[in-house]
Amino acid sequence: MQPTILAKYPFLPEAFDLVKDESMDEILHSPAFNRARELGVARVQRALKNEDSFLFIDERNCFDVVLSFFISKAIVSQMNDSFLLRRHAIFEAKNAYHYLEEESRETADAVARSLGIKRDRNGVSFVTFLKYSPNAYGQWKLANSRLSGGMVEVDDHTFLRLVQEAVRERVEGIKFSVDGLEKTLDLGPIRAELANRKVTHRADRVELESFPPCMKSIMAQIENSINVPHQGRFSLVAFLNGIGMKEEDIMKIMAPIPDFDDRMTRYQVEHITGKEYSTPSCDTMRTYSLCFEPDGLCARIKHPMQYYEYRLHVSSKKV
């Protein structure tokens, strides 16, 4: 592949071949790699702040850009933080999507094939579709898609979103560690940003004992920096609002989501709470594949709020 392609998509195996023979000591200390080190730190900082990073790439800076990706992976590995790991992977996946939108079909298909995704005319296998669907509702439900001969029909946007998910998975799985990294790079600002996020966005203690399993599961996913789909976020916000939680506390609970954006999340939370949207029923939660580990009580109720109110009633009797 051309160097400019590898600079846009440094998670491809061929990109690693471009830099694998370089000395780690040189990468960390040589003035020749100053720009690559700066870009590597910047990639992580922008990922943390949920900023886009579409670099101008030409033949002169391809090597630095590719190397900066692996330096950023080394930084993420050094931090050993699950939130940062997922946030960085989403950041790189979004960048890849941006570049892929501008590519020819031939180039986009070549990148996709390197990730294990093959497009046949205007379709992908249903196995690929299910594996890389960003969520399990709306257009991503297999039942809502056109399926013929084991192939799911997809337009260009849908195809690239599948590729984006494959990129996120690939980037998250890349392991690249460098000894002595912090002796050369100033990672203090990155550590401070992570620490600040954990302190500033920590929610007040929430009593989970009476929550239905679906809401406990969604909250646990968010707490572990898993990118919960929109319908899951909506359901949780509506539920938390329904039990009387304040908007600021809801914002704190949502903060660990890898693609968290304060302005957008606040708008969505205020919209849901302002309109007083109801929590989806159990049937709707099942439709959106959000019914997790139902217990015996779940079989007897039809709504998450009903579950919560019953548990509260039982709990109050024990006091």
C-alpha atoms as a PDB file:
ATOM      1  CA  MET A   1       0.000   0.000   0.000  1.00  0.00           C
ATOM      2  CA  GLN A   2       1.074   3.588  -0.596  1.00  0.00           C
ATOM      3  CA  PRO A   3       2.661   5.409   2.389  1.00  0.00           C
ATOM      4  CA  THR A   4      -0.163   7.978   2.389  1.00  0.00           C
ATOM      5  CA  ILE A   5      -2.714   5.174   2.785  1.00  0.00           C
ATOM      6  CA  LEU A   6      -0.754   3.676   5.679  1.00  0.00           C
ATOM      7  CA  ALA A   7      -0.568   7.102   7.355  1.00  0.00           C
ATOM      8  CA  LYS A   8      -4.354   7.385   7.196  1.00  0.00           C
ATOM      9  CA  TYR A   9      -4.871   3.825   8.414  1.00  0.00           C
ATOM     10  CA  PRO A  10      -1.867   3.040  10.681  1.00  0.00           C
ATOM     11  CA  PHE A  11      -3.686   0.124  12.314  1.00  0.00           C
ATOM     12  CA  LEU A  12      -3.147  -1.983   9.159  1.00  0.00           C
ATOM     13  CA  PRO A  13      -0.477  -4.704   9.369  1.00  0.00           C
ATOM     14  CA  GLU A  14       1.494  -3.085   6.529  1.00  0.00           C
ATOM     15  CA  ALA A  15       1.847   0.102   8.606  1.00  0.00           C
ATOM     16  CA  PHE A  16       3.662  -1.747  11.372  1.00  0.00           C
ATOM     17  CA  ASP A  17       6.049  -3.150   8.766  1.00  0.00           C
ATOM     18  CA  LEU A  18       6.964   0.451   7.943  1.00  0.00           C
ATOM     19  CA  VAL A  19       8.304   1.193  11.434  1.00  0.00           C
ATOM     20  CA  LYS A  20       9.157  -2.186  12.981  1.00  0.00           C
ATOM     21  CA  ASP A  21      12.883  -1.996  12.238  1.00  0.00           C
ATOM     22  CA  GLU A  22      13.414   1.321  14.001  1.00  0.00           C
ATOM     23  CA  SER A  23      15.400   1.309  17.250  1.00  0.00           C
ATOM     24  CA  MET A  24      13.299   2.011  20.343  1.00  0.00           C
ATOM     25  CA  ASP A  25      16.159   4.062  21.761  1.00  0.00           C
ATOM     26  CA  GLU A  26      16.182   6.201  18.617  1.00  0.00           C
ATOM     27  CA  ILE A  27      12.402   6.599  18.679  1.00  0.00           C
ATOM     28  CA  LEU A  28      12.528   7.814  22.283  1.00  0.00           C
ATOM     29  CA  HIS A  29      15.591  10.059  22.131  1.00  0.00           C
ATOM     30  CA  SER A  30      16.589  11.039  18.607  1.00  0.00           C
ATOM     31  CA  PRO A  31      15.721  14.607  17.508  1.00  0.00           C
ATOM     32  CA  ALA A  32      14.746  13.055  14.167  1.00  0.00           C
ATOM     33  CA  PHE A  33      11.649  11.633  15.840  1.00  0.00           C
ATOM     34  CA  ASN A  34      10.592  14.775  17.732  1.00  0.00           C
ATOM     35  CA  ARG A  35       7.593  15.340  15.487  1.00  0.00           C
ATOM     36  CA  ALA A  36       6.436  11.720  15.771  1.00  0.00           C
ATOM     37  CA  ARG A  37       6.628  11.903  19.578  1.00  0.00           C
ATOM     38  CA  GLU A  38       4.695  15.184  19.630  1.00  0.00           C
ATOM     39  CA  LEU A  39       1.997  13.743  17.368  1.00  0.00           C
ATOM     40  CA  GLY A  40       1.788  10.601  19.494  1.00  0.00           C
ATOM     41  CA  VAL A  41       1.081  12.604  22.641  1.00  0.00           C
ATOM     42  CA  ALA A  42      -1.369  14.832  20.749  1.00  0.00           C
ATOM     43  CA  ARG A  43      -3.334  11.817  19.491  1.00  0.00           C
ATOM     44  CA  VAL A  44      -3.935  10.665  23.062  1.00  0.00           C
ATOM     45  CA  GLN A  45      -4.782  14.149  24.329  1.00  0.00           C
ATOM     46  CA  ARG A  46      -7.286  14.721  21.531  1.00  0.00           C
ATOM     47  CA  ALA A  47      -8.826  11.315  22.139  1.00  0.00           C
ATOM     48  CA  LEU A  48      -9.323  12.195  25.817  1.00  0.00           C
ATOM     49  CA  LYS A  49     -10.946  15.494  24.895  1.00  0.00           C
ATOM     50  CA  ASN A  50     -13.071  13.856  22.179  1.00  0.00           C
ATOM     51  CA  GLU A  51     -11.575  16.108  19.496  1.00  0.00           C
ATOM     52  CA  ASP A  52     -11.182  15.285  15.811  1.00  0.00           C
ATOM     53  CA  SER A  53      -7.652  14.993  14.457  1.00  0.00           C
ATOM     54  CA  PHE A  54      -7.569  14.985  10.684  1.00  0.00           C
ATOM     55  CA  LEU A  55      -3.921  15.522   9.800  1.00  0.00           C
ATOM     56  CA  PHE A  56      -2.660  16.862   6.509  1.00  0.00           C
ATOM     57  CA  ILE A  57      -0.853  13.847   5.103  1.00  0.00           C
ATOM     58  CA  ASP A  58       1.609  13.806   2.219  1.00  0.00           C
ATOM     59  CA  GLU A  59       4.686  11.834   1.210  1.00  0.00           C
ATOM     60  CA  ARG A  60       6.901  13.918   3.525  1.00  0.00           C
ATOM     61  CA  ASN A  61       5.223  13.176   6.840  1.00  0.00           C
ATOM     62  CA  CYS A  62       3.816   9.654   6.381  1.00  0.00           C
ATOM     63  CA  PHE A  63       6.472   7.952   8.473  1.00  0.00           C
ATOM     64  CA  ASP A  64       6.030  10.370  11.400  1.00  0.00           C
ATOM     65  CA  VAL A  65       2.253   9.964  11.303  1.00  0.00           C
ATOM     66  CA  VAL A  66       2.429   6.160  11.273  1.00  0.00           C
ATOM     67  CA  LEU A  67       4.993   6.132  14.072  1.00  0.00           C
ATOM     68  CA  SER A  68       2.906   8.589  16.100  1.00  0.00           C
ATOM     69  CA  PHE A  69       0.054   6.067  16.094  1.00  0.00           C
ATOM     70  CA  PHE A  70       2.244   3.408  17.680  1.00  0.00           C
ATOM     71  CA  ILE A  71       3.653   5.911  20.163  1.00  0.00           C
ATOM     72  CA  SER A  72       0.065   6.773  21.111  1.00  0.00           C
ATOM     73  CA  LYS A  73      -0.645   3.060  21.626  1.00  0.00           C
ATOM     74  CA  ALA A  74       2.434   2.821  23.839  1.00  0.00           C
ATOM     75  CA  ILE A  75       1.146   5.760  25.903  1.00  0.00           C
ATOM     76  CA  VAL A  76      -2.282   4.157  26.266  1.00  0.00           C
ATOM     77  CA  SER A  77      -0.617   0.905  27.340  1.00  0.00           C
ATOM     78  CA  GLN A  78       1.488   2.820  29.883  1.00  0.00           C
ATOM     79  CA  MET A  79      -1.616   4.456  31.362  1.00  0.00           C
ATOM     80  CA  ASN A  80      -3.327   1.065  31.823  1.00  0.00           C
ATOM     81  CA  ASP A  81      -6.758   2.706  31.955  1.00  0.00           C
ATOM     82  CA  SER A  82      -9.802   1.015  30.401  1.00  0.00           C
ATOM     83  CA  PHE A  83     -11.568   4.312  29.713  1.00  0.00           C
ATOM     84  CA  LEU A  84      -8.558   5.703  27.852  1.00  0.00           C
ATOM     85  CA  LEU A  85      -8.130   2.446  25.938  1.00  0.00           C
ATOM     86  CA  ARG A  86     -11.681   2.606  24.588  1.00  0.00           C
ATOM     87  CA  ARG A  87     -11.672   6.383  24.095  1.00  0.00           C
ATOM     88  CA  HIS A  88      -8.468   6.173  22.017  1.00  0.00           C
ATOM     89  CA  ALA A  89      -9.875   3.319  19.903  1.00  0.00           C
ATOM     90  CA  ILE A  90     -13.053   5.270  19.156  1.00  0.00           C
ATOM     91  CA  PHE A  91     -11.006   8.353  18.289  1.00  0.00           C
ATOM     92  CA  GLU A  92      -8.883   6.428  15.777  1.00  0.00           C
ATOM     93  CA  ALA A  93     -11.958   4.713  14.321  1.00  0.00           C
ATOM     94  CA  LYS A  94     -13.683   8.054  13.733  1.00  0.00           C
ATOM     95  CA  ASN A  95     -10.569   9.393  12.019  1.00  0.00           C
ATOM     96  CA  ALA A  96     -10.489   6.340   9.766  1.00  0.00           C
ATOM     97  CA  TYR A  97     -14.158   6.832   8.863  1.00  0.00           C
ATOM     98  CA  HIS A  98     -13.441  10.443   7.881  1.00  0.00           C
ATOM     99  CA  TYR A  99     -10.635   9.409   5.541  1.00  0.00           C
ATOM    100  CA  LEU A 100     -12.595   6.470   4.098  1.00  0.00           C
ATOM    101  CA  GLU A 101     -15.448   8.771   3.094  1.00  0.00           C
ATOM    102  CA  GLU A 102     -13.024  10.495   0.706  1.00  0.00           C
ATOM    103  CA  GLU A 103     -11.518   7.322  -0.763  1.00  0.00           C
ATOM    104  CA  SER A 104     -12.413   5.490  -3.953  1.00  0.00           C
ATOM    105  CA  ARG A 105     -14.512   2.364  -3.541  1.00  0.00           C
ATOM    106  CA  GLU A 106     -11.460   0.296  -4.476  1.00  0.00           C
ATOM    107  CA  THR A 107      -9.348   1.769  -1.665  1.00  0.00           C
ATOM    108  CA  ALA A 108     -12.159   1.572   0.894  1.00  0.00           C
ATOM    109  CA  ASP A 109     -12.713  -2.079   0.017  1.00  0.00           C
ATOM    110  CA  ALA A 110      -8.978  -2.797   0.313  1.00  0.00           C
ATOM    111  CA  VAL A 111      -8.874  -1.311   3.821  1.00  0.00           C
ATOM    112  CA  ALA A 112     -12.027  -3.222   4.746  1.00  0.00           C
ATOM    113  CA  ARG A 113     -10.590  -6.523   3.488  1.00  0.00           C
ATOM    114  CA  SER A 114      -7.513  -6.001   5.637  1.00  0.00           C
ATOM    115  CA  LEU A 115      -9.903  -5.842   8.591  1.00  0.00           C
ATOM    116  CA  GLY A 116     -11.750  -9.001   7.517  1.00  0.00           C
ATOM    117  CA  ILE A 117     -14.731  -7.282   5.860  1.00  0.00           C
ATOM    118  CA  LYS A 118     -15.554  -8.132   2.275  1.00  0.00           C
ATOM    119  CA  ARG A 119     -18.165  -6.240   0.246  1.00  0.00           C
ATOM    120  CA  ASP A 120     -19.796  -8.174  -2.582  1.00  0.00           C
ATOM    121  CA  ARG A 121     -21.441  -5.626  -4.879  1.00  0.00           C
ATOM    122  CA  ASN A 122     -23.663  -3.829  -2.360  1.00  0.00           C
ATOM    123  CA  GLY A 123     -23.765  -6.392   0.408  1.00  0.00           C
ATOM    124  CA  VAL A 124     -21.821  -7.992   3.239  1.00  0.00           C
ATOM    125  CA  SER A 125     -22.352 -11.380   4.845  1.00  0.00           C
ATOM    126  CA  PHE A 126     -24.901 -11.447   7.640  1.00  0.00           C
ATOM    127  CA  VAL A 127     -22.143 -12.731   9.959  1.00  0.00           C
ATOM    128  CA  THR A 128     -20.087  -9.582   9.247  1.00  0.00           C
ATOM    129  CA  PHE A 129     -23.167  -7.395   9.637  1.00  0.00           C
ATOM    130  CA  LEU A 130     -24.010  -8.854  13.044  1.00  0.00           C
ATOM    131  CA  LYS A 131     -20.399  -8.817  14.250  1.00  0.00           C
ATOM    132  CA  TYR A 132     -19.734  -5.157  13.473  1.00  0.00           C
ATOM    133  CA  SER A 133     -23.178  -3.566  13.878  1.00  0.00           C
ATOM    134  CA  PRO A 134     -22.749  -0.623  16.300  1.00  0.00           C
ATOM    135  CA  ASN A 135     -25.909  -1.674  18.137  1.00  0.00           C
ATOM    136  CA  ALA A 136     -28.874  -4.018  17.826  1.00  0.00           C
ATOM    137  CA  TYR A 137     -31.792  -1.711  17.092  1.00  0.00           C
ATOM    138  CA  GLY A 138     -33.294   0.340  14.258  1.00  0.00           C
ATOM    139  CA  GLN A 139     -31.456  -0.074  10.967  1.00  0.00           C
ATOM    140  CA  TRP A 140     -29.017  -2.453  12.628  1.00  0.00           C
ATOM    141  CA  LYS A 141     -31.611  -5.074  13.478  1.00  0.00           C
ATOM    142  CA  LEU A 142     -31.198  -7.903  10.988  1.00  0.00           C
ATOM    143  CA  ALA A 143     -34.982  -8.130  10.695  1.00  0.00           C
ATOM    144  CA  ASN A 144     -35.043  -4.548   9.357  1.00  0.00           C
ATOM    145  CA  SER A 145     -32.417  -5.245   6.684  1.00  0.00           C
ATOM    146  CA  ARG A 146     -32.684  -6.677   3.185  1.00  0.00           C
ATOM    147  CA  LEU A 147     -31.230 -10.189   3.300  1.00  0.00           C
ATOM    148  CA  SER A 148     -30.660 -12.406   0.260  1.00  0.00           C
ATOM    149  CA  GLY A 149     -28.505 -15.514  -0.015  1.00  0.00           C
ATOM    150  CA  GLY A 150     -26.841 -14.819   3.316  1.00  0.00           C
ATOM    151  CA  MET A 151     -25.869 -11.272   2.255  1.00  0.00           C
ATOM    152  CA  VAL A 152     -27.186  -8.078   3.852  1.00  0.00           C
ATOM    153  CA  GLU A 153     -27.677  -5.142   1.498  1.00  0.00           C
ATOM    154  CA  VAL A 154     -25.822  -2.040   2.722  1.00  0.00           C
ATOM    155  CA  ASP A 155     -25.331   1.457   1.332  1.00  0.00           C
ATOM    156  CA  ASP A 156     -21.937   3.201   1.442  1.00  0.00           C
ATOM    157  CA  HIS A 157     -22.617   4.908   4.787  1.00  0.00           C
ATOM    158  CA  THR A 158     -23.685   1.664   6.465  1.00  0.00           C
ATOM    159  CA  PHE A 159     -20.701  -0.186   5.014  1.00  0.00           C
ATOM    160  CA  LEU A 160     -18.259   2.414   6.347  1.00  0.00           C
ATOM    161  CA  ARG A 161     -19.901   2.338   9.782  1.00  0.00           C
ATOM    162  CA  LEU A 162     -19.281  -1.407   9.869  1.00  0.00           C
ATOM    163  CA  VAL A 163     -15.669  -0.760   8.900  1.00  0.00           C
ATOM    164  CA  GLN A 164     -15.437   1.903  11.612  1.00  0.00           C
ATOM    165  CA  GLU A 165     -16.492  -0.645  14.231  1.00  0.00           C
ATOM    166  CA  ALA A 166     -13.910  -3.094  12.889  1.00  0.00           C
ATOM    167  CA  VAL A 167     -11.245  -0.379  13.169  1.00  0.00           C
ATOM    168  CA  ARG A 168     -12.251   0.345  16.763  1.00  0.00           C
ATOM    169  CA  GLU A 169     -11.927  -3.336  17.610  1.00  0.00           C
ATOM    170  CA  ARG A 170      -8.572  -3.627  15.815  1.00  0.00           C
ATOM    171  CA  VAL A 171      -7.088  -0.535  17.486  1.00  0.00           C
ATOM    172  CA  GLU A 172      -8.296  -1.582  20.927  1.00  0.00           C
ATOM    173  CA  GLY A 173      -6.603  -4.952  20.462  1.00  0.00           C
ATOM    174  CA  ILE A 174      -3.192  -3.650  19.337  1.00  0.00           C
ATOM    175  CA  LYS A 175      -0.553  -4.052  22.039  1.00  0.00           C
ATOM    176  CA  PHE A 176       2.520  -1.847  21.774  1.00  0.00           C
ATOM    177  CA  SER A 177       4.628  -1.217  24.854  1.00  0.00           C
ATOM    178  CA  VAL A 178       7.871   0.774  25.132  1.00  0.00           C
ATOM    179  CA  ASP A 179      10.141   0.628  28.178  1.00  0.00           C
ATOM    180  CA  GLY A 180      11.253   3.980  29.550  1.00  0.00           C
ATOM    181  CA  LEU A 181       8.471   5.893  27.828  1.00  0.00           C
ATOM    182  CA  GLU A 182       7.821   8.293  30.702  1.00  0.00           C
ATOM    183  CA  LYS A 183      11.488   9.183  31.000  1.00  0.00           C
ATOM    184  CA  THR A 184      11.235  10.812  27.577  1.00  0.00           C
ATOM    185  CA  LEU A 185       7.631  11.929  27.208  1.00  0.00           C
ATOM    186  CA  ASP A 186       5.811  14.223  29.606  1.00  0.00           C
ATOM    187  CA  LEU A 187       2.666  12.236  30.330  1.00  0.00           C
ATOM    188  CA  GLY A 188       1.720  14.398  33.327  1.00  0.00           C
ATOM    189  CA  PRO A 189      -1.035  16.321  31.497  1.00  0.00           C
ATOM    190  CA  ILE A 190      -2.595  13.059  30.314  1.00  0.00           C
ATOM    191  CA  ARG A 191      -2.523  11.573  33.818  1.00  0.00           C
ATOM    192  CA  ALA A 192      -3.957  14.798  35.224  1.00  0.00           C
ATOM    193  CA  GLU A 193      -6.804  14.771  32.689  1.00  0.00           C
ATOM    194  CA  LEU A 194      -7.652  11.183  33.579  1.00  0.00           C
ATOM    195  CA  ALA A 195      -7.517  11.919  37.319  1.00  0.00           C
ATOM    196  CA  ASN A 196      -9.616  15.061  36.899  1.00  0.00           C
ATOM    197  CA  ARG A 197     -12.225  13.161  34.922  1.00  0.00           C
ATOM    198  CA  LYS A 198     -12.517  10.496  37.627  1.00  0.00           C
ATOM    199  CA  VAL A 199     -12.848  13.065  40.421  1.00  0.00           C
ATOM    200  CA  THR A 200     -14.989  15.649  38.658  1.00  0.00           C
ATOM    201  CA  HIS A 201     -17.390  13.193  37.076  1.00  0.00           C
ATOM    202  CA  ARG A 202     -17.841  10.768  39.930  1.00  0.00           C
ATOM    203  CA  ALA A 203     -21.520  10.499  40.708  1.00  0.00           C
ATOM    204  CA  ASP A 204     -22.896  10.610  44.207  1.00  0.00           C
ATOM    205  CA  ARG A 205     -23.544   7.170  45.619  1.00  0.00           C
ATOM    206  CA  VAL A 206     -26.520   5.555  43.929  1.00  0.00           C
ATOM    207  CA  GLU A 207     -28.551   2.868  45.670  1.00  0.00           C
ATOM    208  CA  LEU A 208     -28.694   0.065  43.136  1.00  0.00           C
ATOM    209  CA  GLU A 209     -30.396  -2.586  45.227  1.00  0.00           C
ATOM    210  CA  SER A 210     -33.866  -1.782  43.900  1.00  0.00           C
ATOM    211  CA  PHE A 211     -32.872  -1.200  40.281  1.00  0.00           C
ATOM    212  CA  PRO A 212     -34.096  -3.706  37.687  1.00  0.00           C
ATOM    213  CA  PRO A 213     -31.376  -5.893  36.112  1.00  0.00           C
ATOM    214  CA  CYS A 214     -31.545  -4.019  32.792  1.00  0.00           C
ATOM    215  CA  MET A 215     -30.686  -0.665  34.393  1.00  0.00           C
ATOM    216  CA  LYS A 216     -27.987  -2.205  36.603  1.00  0.00           C
ATOM    217  CA  SER A 217     -26.396  -3.716  33.503  1.00  0.00           C
ATOM    218  CA  ILE A 218     -26.486  -0.488  31.481  1.00  0.00           C
ATOM    219  CA  MET A 219     -24.964   1.428  34.396  1.00  0.00           C
ATOM    220  CA  ALA A 220     -22.253  -1.221  34.804  1.00  0.00           C
ATOM    221  CA  GLN A 221     -21.399  -0.984  31.111  1.00  0.00           C
ATOM    222  CA  ILE A 222     -21.088   2.799  31.348  1.00  0.00           C
ATOM    223  CA  GLU A 223     -19.005   2.545  34.514  1.00  0.00           C
ATOM    224  CA  ASN A 224     -16.638   0.216  32.635  1.00  0.00           C
ATOM    225  CA  SER A 225     -16.386   2.672  29.716  1.00  0.00           C
ATOM    226  CA  ILE A 226     -18.316   0.474  27.302  1.00  0.00           C
ATOM    227  CA  ASN A 227     -19.918   2.446  24.506  1.00  0.00           C
ATOM    228  CA  VAL A 228     -23.622   1.901  25.260  1.00  0.00           C
ATOM    229  CA  PRO A 229     -25.910   2.430  22.217  1.00  0.00           C
ATOM    230  CA  HIS A 230     -28.193   5.445  22.049  1.00  0.00           C
ATOM    231  CA  GLN A 231     -31.350   3.567  23.036  1.00  0.00           C
ATOM    232  CA  GLY A 232     -29.611   2.215  26.124  1.00  0.00           C
ATOM    233  CA  ARG A 233     -28.511   5.708  27.130  1.00  0.00           C
ATOM    234  CA  PHE A 234     -31.998   7.076  26.531  1.00  0.00           C
ATOM    235  CA  SER A 235     -33.594   4.307  28.611  1.00  0.00           C
ATOM    236  CA  LEU A 236     -31.227   4.870  31.525  1.00  0.00           C
ATOM    237  CA  VAL A 237     -31.630   8.669  31.526  1.00  0.00           C
ATOM    238  CA  ALA A 238     -35.417   8.350  31.382  1.00  0.00           C
ATOM    239  CA  PHE A 239     -35.334   5.837  34.249  1.00  0.00           C
ATOM    240  CA  LEU A 240     -33.014   7.927  36.431  1.00  0.00           C
ATOM    241  CA  ASN A 241     -35.162  10.985  35.806  1.00  0.00           C
ATOM    242  CA  GLY A 242     -38.241   8.932  36.634  1.00  0.00           C
ATOM    243  CA  ILE A 243     -36.897   8.004  40.064  1.00  0.00           C
ATOM    244  CA  GLY A 244     -36.103  11.643  40.800  1.00  0.00           C
ATOM    245  CA  MET A 245     -32.385  11.949  40.123  1.00  0.00           C
ATOM    246  CA  LYS A 246     -31.103  15.446  39.356  1.00  0.00           C
ATOM    247  CA  GLU A 247     -29.726  16.310  35.917  1.00  0.00           C
ATOM    248  CA  GLU A 248     -26.213  16.999  37.206  1.00  0.00           C
ATOM    249  CA  ASP A 249     -26.054  13.587  38.868  1.00  0.00           C
ATOM    250  CA  ILE A 250     -27.270  11.942  35.667  1.00  0.00           C
ATOM    251  CA  MET A 251     -24.508  13.762  33.783  1.00  0.00           C
ATOM    252  CA  LYS A 252     -21.928  12.378  36.198  1.00  0.00           C
ATOM    253  CA  ILE A 253     -23.175   8.835  35.658  1.00  0.00           C
ATOM    254  CA  MET A 254     -22.949   9.211  31.868  1.00  0.00           C
ATOM    255  CA  ALA A 255     -19.416  10.678  31.908  1.00  0.00           C
ATOM    256  CA  PRO A 256     -17.394   7.416  31.618  1.00  0.00           C
ATOM    257  CA  ILE A 257     -18.879   6.674  28.160  1.00  0.00           C
ATOM    258  CA  PRO A 258     -15.892   6.662  25.759  1.00  0.00           C
ATOM    259  CA  ASP A 259     -17.394   9.145  23.290  1.00  0.00           C
ATOM    260  CA  PHE A 260     -18.776  11.382  26.061  1.00  0.00           C
ATOM    261  CA  ASP A 261     -19.214  14.965  24.943  1.00  0.00           C
ATOM    262  CA  ASP A 262     -20.331  17.299  27.741  1.00  0.00           C
ATOM    263  CA  ARG A 263     -22.255  19.713  25.519  1.00  0.00           C
ATOM    264  CA  MET A 264     -24.075  17.053  23.496  1.00  0.00           C
ATOM    265  CA  THR A 265     -24.812  14.838  26.500  1.00  0.00           C
ATOM    266  CA  ARG A 266     -26.176  17.781  28.470  1.00  0.00           C
ATOM    267  CA  TYR A 267     -28.451  18.690  25.561  1.00  0.00           C
ATOM    268  CA  GLN A 268     -29.745  15.107  25.364  1.00  0.00           C
ATOM    269  CA  VAL A 269     -30.234  14.776  29.120  1.00  0.00           C
ATOM    270  CA  GLU A 270     -32.058  18.112  29.338  1.00  0.00           C
ATOM    271  CA  HIS A 271     -34.225  17.145  26.367  1.00  0.00           C
ATOM    272  CA  ILE A 272     -35.217  13.796  27.896  1.00  0.00           C
ATOM    273  CA  THR A 273     -35.822  15.184  31.376  1.00  0.00           C
ATOM    274  CA  GLY A 274     -37.540  18.313  30.089  1.00  0.00           C
ATOM    275  CA  LYS A 275     -39.978  16.324  27.954  1.00  0.00           C
ATOM    276  CA  GLU A 276     -40.482  13.893  30.842  1.00  0.00           C
ATOM    277  CA  TYR A 277     -40.041  10.904  28.549  1.00  0.00           C
ATOM    278  CA  SER A 278     -41.119   7.645  30.152  1.00  0.00           C
ATOM    279  CA  THR A 279     -38.791   4.719  30.618  1.00  0.00           C
ATOM    280  CA  PRO A 280     -39.416   2.147  27.832  1.00  0.00           C
ATOM    281  CA  SER A 281     -41.528  -0.843  28.798  1.00  0.00           C
ATOM    282  CA  CYS A 282     -40.024  -4.303  29.262  1.00  0.00           C
ATOM    283  CA  ASP A 283     -41.325  -5.343  25.828  1.00  0.00           C
ATOM    284  CA  THR A 284     -39.559  -2.363  24.259  1.00  0.00           C
ATOM    285  CA  MET A 285     -36.371  -3.083  26.186  1.00  0.00           C
ATOM    286  CA  ARG A 286     -36.423  -6.622  24.829  1.00  0.00           C
ATOM    287  CA  THR A 287     -37.015  -5.326  21.305  1.00  0.00           C
ATOM    288  CA  TYR A 288     -33.879  -3.199  21.592  1.00  0.00           C
ATOM    289  CA  SER A 289     -31.880  -6.099  23.097  1.00  0.00           C
ATOM    290  CA  LEU A 290     -31.575  -4.223  26.397  1.00  0.00           C
ATOM    291  CA  CYS A 291     -33.165  -6.842  28.657  1.00  0.00           C
ATOM    292  CA  PHE A 292     -30.173  -8.244  30.566  1.00  0.00           C
ATOM    293  CA  GLU A 293     -30.234 -11.150  33.027  1.00  0.00           C
ATOM    294  CA  PRO A 294     -33.949 -10.989  33.951  1.00  0.00           C
ATOM    295  CA  ASP A 295     -34.771 -12.451  37.364  1.00  0.00           C
ATOM    296  CA  GLY A 296     -37.927 -13.975  38.786  1.00  0.00           C
ATOM    297  CA  LEU A 297     -39.599 -10.629  39.403  1.00  0.00           C
ATOM    298  CA  CYS A 298     -39.015  -9.589  35.783  1.00  0.00           C
ATOM    299  CA  ALA A 299     -41.309 -12.414  34.660  1.00  0.00           C
ATOM    300  CA  ARG A 300     -44.155 -10.906  36.673  1.00  0.00           C
ATOM    301  CA  ILE A 301     -43.872  -7.221  35.730  1.00  0.00           C
ATOM    302  CA  LYS A 302     -44.148  -5.235  32.511  1.00  0.00           C
ATOM    303  CA  HIS A 303     -42.117  -2.115  33.205  1.00  0.00           C
ATOM    304  CA  PRO A 304     -38.725  -1.248  34.806  1.00  0.00           C
ATOM    305  CA  MET A 305     -40.386   1.400  37.003  1.00  0.00           C
ATOM    306  CA  GLN A 306     -42.834  -1.222  38.239  1.00  0.00           C
ATOM    307  CA  TYR A 307     -39.866  -3.400  39.204  1.00  0.00           C
ATOM    308  CA  TYR A 308     -38.202  -0.521  41.038  1.00  0.00           C
ATOM    309  CA  GLU A 309     -41.331   0.481  42.936  1.00  0.00           C
ATOM    310  CA  TYR A 310     -41.978  -3.093  44.022  1.00  0.00           C
ATOM    311  CA  ARG A 311     -38.425  -3.535  45.301  1.00  0.00           C
ATOM    312  CA  LEU A 312     -38.646  -0.226  47.167  1.00  0.00           C
ATOM    313  CA  HIS A 313     -41.905  -1.347  48.777  1.00  0.00           C
ATOM    314  CA  VAL A 314     -40.387  -4.654  49.883  1.00  0.00           C
ATOM    315  CA  SER A 315     -37.269  -2.895  51.149  1.00  0.00           C
ATOM    316  CA  SER A 316     -39.265  -0.386  53.193  1.00  0.00           C
ATOM    317  CA  LYS A 317     -41.088  -3.223  54.964  1.00  0.00           C
ATOM    318  CA  LYS A 318     -37.790  -4.673  56.130  1.00  0.00           C
ATOM    319  CA  VAL A 319     -36.778  -1.456  57.857  1.00  0.00           C
END
